N, C-alpha and C. Protein backbone atom coordinates (compact mmCIF):
# COMPACT_ATOMS: atom_id res chain seq x y z
N MET A 1 50.96 106.57 69.33
CA MET A 1 50.64 106.24 68.11
C MET A 1 51.74 106.51 67.20
N ALA A 2 52.10 106.47 65.64
CA ALA A 2 52.65 106.58 64.75
C ALA A 2 52.13 107.95 64.14
N HIS A 3 52.97 108.78 63.78
CA HIS A 3 52.84 110.10 62.55
C HIS A 3 53.73 109.91 61.86
N GLY A 4 52.73 110.76 60.86
CA GLY A 4 53.78 110.93 59.61
C GLY A 4 53.39 109.58 58.40
N ASN A 5 54.45 109.14 57.83
CA ASN A 5 53.98 108.18 56.70
C ASN A 5 54.47 107.07 57.04
N VAL A 6 53.52 106.36 58.15
CA VAL A 6 53.77 104.88 58.35
C VAL A 6 53.60 103.89 57.31
N ALA A 7 54.52 103.33 57.17
CA ALA A 7 54.48 102.39 56.01
C ALA A 7 53.51 100.86 56.74
N PHE A 8 53.64 100.47 57.94
CA PHE A 8 53.08 99.30 58.48
C PHE A 8 52.88 99.14 59.86
N GLU A 9 52.28 98.76 60.31
CA GLU A 9 51.73 99.17 61.62
C GLU A 9 50.67 97.85 62.12
N SER A 10 50.85 97.36 63.15
CA SER A 10 50.32 96.20 63.48
C SER A 10 50.78 95.90 65.30
N PRO A 11 49.53 95.77 65.60
CA PRO A 11 49.16 95.26 67.12
C PRO A 11 48.91 93.81 67.25
N SER A 12 49.77 93.32 68.01
CA SER A 12 49.12 91.87 68.72
C SER A 12 48.53 91.96 69.77
N MET A 13 47.34 91.86 70.16
CA MET A 13 47.02 92.25 71.94
C MET A 13 46.42 90.84 72.27
N ALA A 14 46.43 90.75 73.46
CA ALA A 14 45.93 89.70 73.89
C ALA A 14 44.51 90.05 74.48
N PHE A 15 44.49 91.32 75.30
CA PHE A 15 43.11 91.52 76.43
C PHE A 15 42.54 93.14 75.96
N TRP A 16 42.03 93.43 74.97
CA TRP A 16 41.51 94.86 74.65
C TRP A 16 39.88 94.44 75.22
N ASN A 17 39.43 95.57 75.57
CA ASN A 17 38.09 95.91 76.09
C ASN A 17 37.67 97.18 75.71
N ASP A 18 36.23 97.28 75.89
CA ASP A 18 35.72 98.92 75.13
C ASP A 18 36.09 100.02 76.20
N SER A 19 36.74 99.82 77.27
CA SER A 19 37.40 101.23 77.63
C SER A 19 38.44 101.89 77.08
N ARG A 20 39.33 101.17 76.33
CA ARG A 20 40.02 101.28 75.08
C ARG A 20 39.75 101.33 74.12
N ASP A 21 38.34 101.19 73.10
CA ASP A 21 37.72 101.27 71.85
C ASP A 21 38.09 101.84 70.82
N TYR A 22 38.47 103.61 72.00
CA TYR A 22 39.11 104.39 71.11
C TYR A 22 40.45 104.26 70.17
N LEU A 23 41.38 103.31 70.43
CA LEU A 23 42.35 102.68 69.60
C LEU A 23 42.14 101.97 68.49
N VAL A 24 40.79 101.66 68.18
CA VAL A 24 40.02 101.11 66.70
C VAL A 24 40.29 102.27 65.97
N ASP A 25 39.51 103.57 66.51
CA ASP A 25 39.61 104.82 65.92
C ASP A 25 40.95 105.32 65.19
N ALA A 26 41.92 105.31 66.15
CA ALA A 26 43.32 105.72 65.90
C ALA A 26 43.83 104.70 64.70
N LEU A 27 43.55 103.42 64.91
CA LEU A 27 44.03 102.36 63.57
C LEU A 27 43.35 102.54 62.10
N VAL A 28 41.91 102.62 62.40
CA VAL A 28 41.42 103.61 61.33
C VAL A 28 41.90 104.60 60.41
N ARG A 29 42.11 105.43 61.57
CA ARG A 29 43.11 106.66 60.77
C ARG A 29 44.17 106.50 59.94
N LEU A 30 44.88 105.88 60.70
CA LEU A 30 46.02 105.13 60.17
C LEU A 30 46.00 104.42 58.63
N LYS A 31 44.94 103.48 59.08
CA LYS A 31 44.78 102.77 57.57
C LYS A 31 44.22 103.66 56.57
N THR A 32 43.24 104.72 57.01
CA THR A 32 42.79 105.84 55.79
C THR A 32 44.20 106.58 55.56
N ALA A 33 44.92 106.63 56.37
CA ALA A 33 46.46 107.68 55.84
C ALA A 33 46.81 107.18 55.09
N GLY A 34 46.91 105.50 54.65
CA GLY A 34 47.22 104.54 53.61
C GLY A 34 48.42 103.73 54.23
N CYS A 35 48.21 103.83 55.63
CA CYS A 35 48.97 102.53 56.03
C CYS A 35 48.58 101.56 55.85
N ASP A 36 49.42 100.52 55.90
CA ASP A 36 49.19 99.04 55.94
C ASP A 36 48.82 98.58 57.34
N VAL A 37 47.48 98.63 57.87
CA VAL A 37 47.50 98.00 59.50
C VAL A 37 46.76 96.77 59.73
N ARG A 38 47.58 95.80 60.29
CA ARG A 38 46.63 94.41 60.28
C ARG A 38 46.86 94.33 61.89
N ILE A 39 46.09 93.57 62.23
CA ILE A 39 45.97 93.46 63.89
C ILE A 39 45.39 91.82 64.27
N LEU A 40 46.02 91.64 65.31
CA LEU A 40 45.76 90.34 66.01
C LEU A 40 45.07 90.13 67.33
N SER A 41 43.90 90.07 67.62
CA SER A 41 43.61 90.12 68.89
C SER A 41 42.72 88.50 69.59
N SER A 42 43.12 88.35 70.55
CA SER A 42 42.43 87.17 70.85
C SER A 42 40.74 87.25 70.93
N THR A 43 40.29 85.85 70.28
CA THR A 43 39.00 86.38 70.01
C THR A 43 38.41 85.58 72.11
N SER A 44 39.03 85.15 72.55
CA SER A 44 38.56 84.62 73.79
C SER A 44 38.32 86.17 74.86
N ILE A 45 39.55 86.89 74.90
CA ILE A 45 39.31 87.56 75.72
C ILE A 45 39.38 89.22 75.37
N THR A 46 39.28 89.14 74.05
CA THR A 46 38.77 90.88 73.71
C THR A 46 37.11 90.98 73.48
N SER A 47 36.71 91.97 74.23
CA SER A 47 35.36 92.30 74.47
C SER A 47 34.51 92.55 72.85
N ASP A 48 33.63 91.93 73.17
CA ASP A 48 32.54 91.78 71.98
C ASP A 48 32.58 92.90 71.10
N GLY A 49 32.39 94.22 71.89
CA GLY A 49 32.39 95.45 71.29
C GLY A 49 33.27 95.91 70.44
N VAL A 50 34.70 95.63 70.92
CA VAL A 50 36.19 95.90 70.08
C VAL A 50 36.16 94.66 69.14
N LYS A 51 35.96 93.66 69.07
CA LYS A 51 35.78 92.78 67.76
C LYS A 51 34.55 92.84 66.99
N ALA A 52 33.35 93.68 67.50
CA ALA A 52 32.73 94.40 65.94
C ALA A 52 33.01 95.28 65.77
N LYS A 53 33.80 96.48 66.62
CA LYS A 53 34.12 97.93 65.79
C LYS A 53 35.37 97.50 64.73
N LEU A 54 36.32 96.30 65.25
CA LEU A 54 37.38 96.04 64.31
C LEU A 54 36.62 95.19 63.05
N ARG A 55 36.05 94.35 63.23
CA ARG A 55 35.09 93.42 62.42
C ARG A 55 34.55 94.53 61.50
N GLY A 56 33.91 96.11 61.95
CA GLY A 56 33.10 96.84 61.19
C GLY A 56 34.41 97.65 60.12
N ALA A 57 35.42 97.71 60.42
CA ALA A 57 36.70 98.89 60.07
C ALA A 57 37.38 98.18 59.26
N PHE A 58 37.73 96.71 59.64
CA PHE A 58 38.74 95.94 58.87
C PHE A 58 38.65 94.61 58.09
N SER A 59 38.79 94.22 57.37
CA SER A 59 38.74 92.76 56.45
C SER A 59 39.29 91.67 57.28
N THR A 60 38.90 90.76 56.82
CA THR A 60 39.74 89.54 57.47
C THR A 60 40.78 89.37 56.93
N ASP A 61 41.25 90.22 55.79
CA ASP A 61 42.62 90.44 55.50
C ASP A 61 43.72 91.30 56.01
N GLU A 62 42.69 91.59 57.20
CA GLU A 62 43.15 92.97 57.62
C GLU A 62 43.46 92.52 59.41
N ALA A 63 42.27 91.99 60.23
CA ALA A 63 42.17 91.50 61.04
C ALA A 63 41.86 89.94 61.87
N ARG A 64 42.39 89.59 62.69
CA ARG A 64 42.35 88.07 63.03
C ARG A 64 42.19 87.89 64.38
N PHE A 65 41.03 87.08 64.99
CA PHE A 65 41.26 86.90 66.27
C PHE A 65 41.73 85.38 66.91
N PRO A 66 43.15 85.14 66.46
CA PRO A 66 43.11 83.83 67.18
C PRO A 66 42.66 83.58 68.63
N PRO A 67 42.15 82.32 68.81
CA PRO A 67 41.78 81.76 70.30
C PRO A 67 42.82 82.14 71.69
N HIS A 68 43.63 82.30 71.52
CA HIS A 68 44.86 82.05 72.88
C HIS A 68 45.44 82.72 72.53
N LEU A 69 45.75 83.89 72.16
CA LEU A 69 47.13 84.94 71.97
C LEU A 69 47.20 85.55 73.62
N HIS A 70 48.49 85.41 73.58
CA HIS A 70 48.51 86.05 74.95
C HIS A 70 49.70 87.28 74.64
N SER A 71 50.19 87.65 73.33
CA SER A 71 50.84 88.46 72.79
C SER A 71 50.36 89.77 73.63
N LYS A 72 51.66 91.22 73.43
CA LYS A 72 50.80 92.42 74.09
C LYS A 72 52.10 93.48 73.25
N TYR A 73 52.02 93.55 71.89
CA TYR A 73 53.00 94.65 71.43
C TYR A 73 52.75 95.28 70.08
N LEU A 74 53.37 96.16 69.84
CA LEU A 74 52.74 96.86 68.76
C LEU A 74 53.83 97.37 67.93
N PHE A 75 53.83 96.98 66.43
CA PHE A 75 55.37 97.58 65.92
C PHE A 75 54.92 98.28 64.57
N VAL A 76 55.71 99.32 64.56
CA VAL A 76 55.54 100.39 63.03
C VAL A 76 56.80 100.06 62.50
N ASP A 77 56.77 99.66 61.05
CA ASP A 77 58.29 99.71 60.18
C ASP A 77 57.74 100.90 59.07
N GLY A 78 58.16 102.57 59.46
CA GLY A 78 58.22 103.12 58.39
C GLY A 78 58.25 104.69 59.13
N GLY A 79 57.69 105.71 58.75
CA GLY A 79 58.12 106.87 59.12
C GLY A 79 57.29 106.80 60.85
N TYR A 80 58.39 107.62 61.50
CA TYR A 80 57.72 107.94 62.64
C TYR A 80 58.55 109.08 63.17
N LEU A 81 57.60 110.03 63.44
CA LEU A 81 58.36 111.38 63.75
C LEU A 81 59.38 111.91 62.95
N GLY A 82 59.33 111.86 61.89
CA GLY A 82 60.14 112.18 60.94
C GLY A 82 61.03 111.49 60.21
N THR A 83 61.62 110.58 60.94
CA THR A 83 62.43 109.43 60.63
C THR A 83 61.79 108.09 60.16
N GLN A 84 62.65 107.06 59.30
CA GLN A 84 62.77 105.83 58.72
C GLN A 84 62.89 104.62 60.03
N ARG A 85 61.49 104.43 61.18
CA ARG A 85 62.64 103.68 61.57
C ARG A 85 61.77 102.01 62.02
N LYS A 86 62.45 101.35 62.44
CA LYS A 86 61.61 99.72 62.97
C LYS A 86 61.56 99.65 64.14
N LEU A 87 60.25 99.95 64.87
CA LEU A 87 60.12 100.55 66.49
C LEU A 87 59.32 98.92 66.88
N VAL A 88 59.54 98.63 68.37
CA VAL A 88 58.28 97.63 68.89
C VAL A 88 58.21 98.30 70.45
N TRP A 89 56.82 98.21 70.67
CA TRP A 89 56.48 98.41 71.91
C TRP A 89 55.90 97.29 72.52
N THR A 90 56.27 96.82 73.51
CA THR A 90 55.89 95.54 74.55
C THR A 90 55.79 95.77 75.87
N GLY A 91 55.35 94.85 76.59
CA GLY A 91 55.15 94.70 77.85
C GLY A 91 54.44 93.99 78.58
N SER A 92 53.77 94.42 79.67
CA SER A 92 52.88 93.94 80.11
C SER A 92 51.17 94.34 79.83
N HIS A 93 51.31 95.22 79.28
CA HIS A 93 49.98 96.25 79.14
C HIS A 93 49.37 95.85 78.06
N ASN A 94 47.74 95.27 78.47
CA ASN A 94 46.88 95.22 77.60
C ASN A 94 46.23 96.75 77.67
N TRP A 95 45.52 96.37 76.43
CA TRP A 95 44.63 97.76 75.78
C TRP A 95 43.47 97.74 76.48
N VAL A 96 43.41 97.90 78.14
CA VAL A 96 42.33 97.92 79.01
C VAL A 96 42.75 99.42 79.82
N TYR A 97 41.67 99.42 80.19
CA TYR A 97 42.11 101.32 80.99
C TYR A 97 42.98 100.69 82.39
N GLY A 98 42.59 99.92 82.86
CA GLY A 98 43.31 99.56 84.30
C GLY A 98 44.79 99.34 83.92
N SER A 99 45.04 99.02 82.59
CA SER A 99 46.77 98.99 82.27
C SER A 99 47.00 100.62 82.33
N ILE A 100 46.37 101.74 82.14
CA ILE A 100 47.25 102.94 81.93
C ILE A 100 46.78 103.21 83.39
N ARG A 101 45.88 103.14 84.31
CA ARG A 101 45.96 103.96 85.36
C ARG A 101 45.79 103.27 86.96
N THR A 102 45.22 102.01 86.85
CA THR A 102 45.73 101.33 87.96
C THR A 102 46.78 100.12 88.60
N ASN A 103 47.23 99.81 87.20
CA ASN A 103 47.66 98.43 87.13
C ASN A 103 49.43 98.30 87.49
N GLU A 104 50.12 99.70 87.03
CA GLU A 104 51.31 99.44 87.19
C GLU A 104 51.65 98.99 85.86
N GLU A 105 51.13 98.87 84.99
CA GLU A 105 51.99 97.88 83.71
C GLU A 105 53.13 98.50 83.11
N THR A 106 53.67 97.61 82.63
CA THR A 106 54.86 98.29 82.08
C THR A 106 54.73 98.04 80.11
N ILE A 107 55.26 99.21 80.00
CA ILE A 107 55.68 99.41 78.31
C ILE A 107 56.84 99.49 77.91
N LEU A 108 57.38 99.13 77.19
CA LEU A 108 58.60 99.44 76.34
C LEU A 108 58.51 99.81 74.98
N ARG A 109 59.26 101.12 74.62
CA ARG A 109 59.73 101.24 73.14
C ARG A 109 61.06 101.05 72.81
N ILE A 110 61.35 99.40 72.00
CA ILE A 110 62.63 99.20 71.46
C ILE A 110 62.62 99.97 70.01
N ASP A 111 63.84 100.56 69.95
CA ASP A 111 64.46 100.74 68.44
C ASP A 111 65.47 100.16 68.16
N ASP A 112 65.21 99.05 67.69
CA ASP A 112 66.34 98.07 67.14
C ASP A 112 65.80 97.09 65.90
N PRO A 113 66.57 97.31 64.85
CA PRO A 113 66.02 96.36 63.70
C PRO A 113 66.19 94.92 64.27
N THR A 114 67.00 94.37 64.70
CA THR A 114 67.47 93.02 65.01
C THR A 114 65.96 92.52 65.45
N VAL A 115 65.67 93.25 66.94
CA VAL A 115 64.26 92.68 67.88
C VAL A 115 63.43 93.34 67.43
N PHE A 116 62.90 94.02 65.79
CA PHE A 116 61.75 94.33 65.57
C PHE A 116 61.82 93.01 64.72
N ALA A 117 62.83 92.44 64.30
CA ALA A 117 62.55 91.49 63.13
C ALA A 117 62.10 90.21 64.01
N GLY A 118 62.24 89.90 65.12
CA GLY A 118 62.21 88.86 65.84
C GLY A 118 60.93 89.15 66.21
N PHE A 119 60.25 90.24 66.51
CA PHE A 119 58.94 90.50 66.82
C PHE A 119 58.18 89.80 65.38
N ASP A 120 58.62 90.87 64.52
CA ASP A 120 57.82 90.60 63.30
C ASP A 120 58.18 89.20 62.63
N ALA A 121 58.82 88.64 63.11
CA ALA A 121 58.59 87.07 62.69
C ALA A 121 57.52 86.38 63.64
N ASN A 122 57.70 86.74 64.79
CA ASN A 122 56.65 85.75 65.79
C ASN A 122 55.14 86.53 65.23
N TRP A 123 54.77 87.86 64.87
CA TRP A 123 53.80 88.16 64.25
C TRP A 123 52.71 87.55 63.22
N ASN A 124 53.96 87.39 62.33
CA ASN A 124 53.85 86.57 61.31
C ASN A 124 53.52 84.94 61.07
N HIS A 125 54.18 84.59 62.03
CA HIS A 125 53.79 82.90 62.35
C HIS A 125 52.18 83.09 62.80
N ILE A 126 51.92 83.59 63.69
CA ILE A 126 50.71 83.83 64.41
C ILE A 126 49.77 84.37 63.37
N TRP A 127 49.79 85.26 62.93
CA TRP A 127 49.43 85.81 61.53
C TRP A 127 48.89 84.51 60.62
N SER A 128 49.93 83.83 60.25
CA SER A 128 49.70 82.77 59.05
C SER A 128 48.64 81.38 59.54
N THR A 129 48.83 80.81 60.98
CA THR A 129 48.57 79.73 61.62
C THR A 129 46.98 80.52 61.85
N SER A 130 46.42 81.62 61.97
CA SER A 130 45.26 82.18 62.36
C SER A 130 44.18 82.02 60.88
N THR A 131 43.32 81.48 61.09
CA THR A 131 41.91 81.61 60.15
C THR A 131 41.47 82.77 60.40
N PRO A 132 41.37 83.68 58.77
CA PRO A 132 40.69 84.39 58.71
C PRO A 132 39.03 84.80 59.84
């Protein structure tokens, strides 16, 4: 997760379950610290517990649940480890316990403004076509 003065942080996550619901708390901490946090997570395969926690912490202007989301990325536009950056983390990694312990998933950090712009455009398209 990002540290410092992050201006914008947004995940787009297909599968997110209660084994990693602590990530909601991390996003709430970033929001409380002044970050603009917006979230997309699939309504069909995100656990009810995570959806309830997200709905309790984020407004419909901050969290949306499209029905068929398969994206798996997080991006940061702002201060990260003391430097202004545009970063993307992406791969096969879902936000579930098995992804970090048993499934040998892939997650990449990409530090490239052009790649960031592509993910940002994709994220904004999904956001704009998702109902609150």
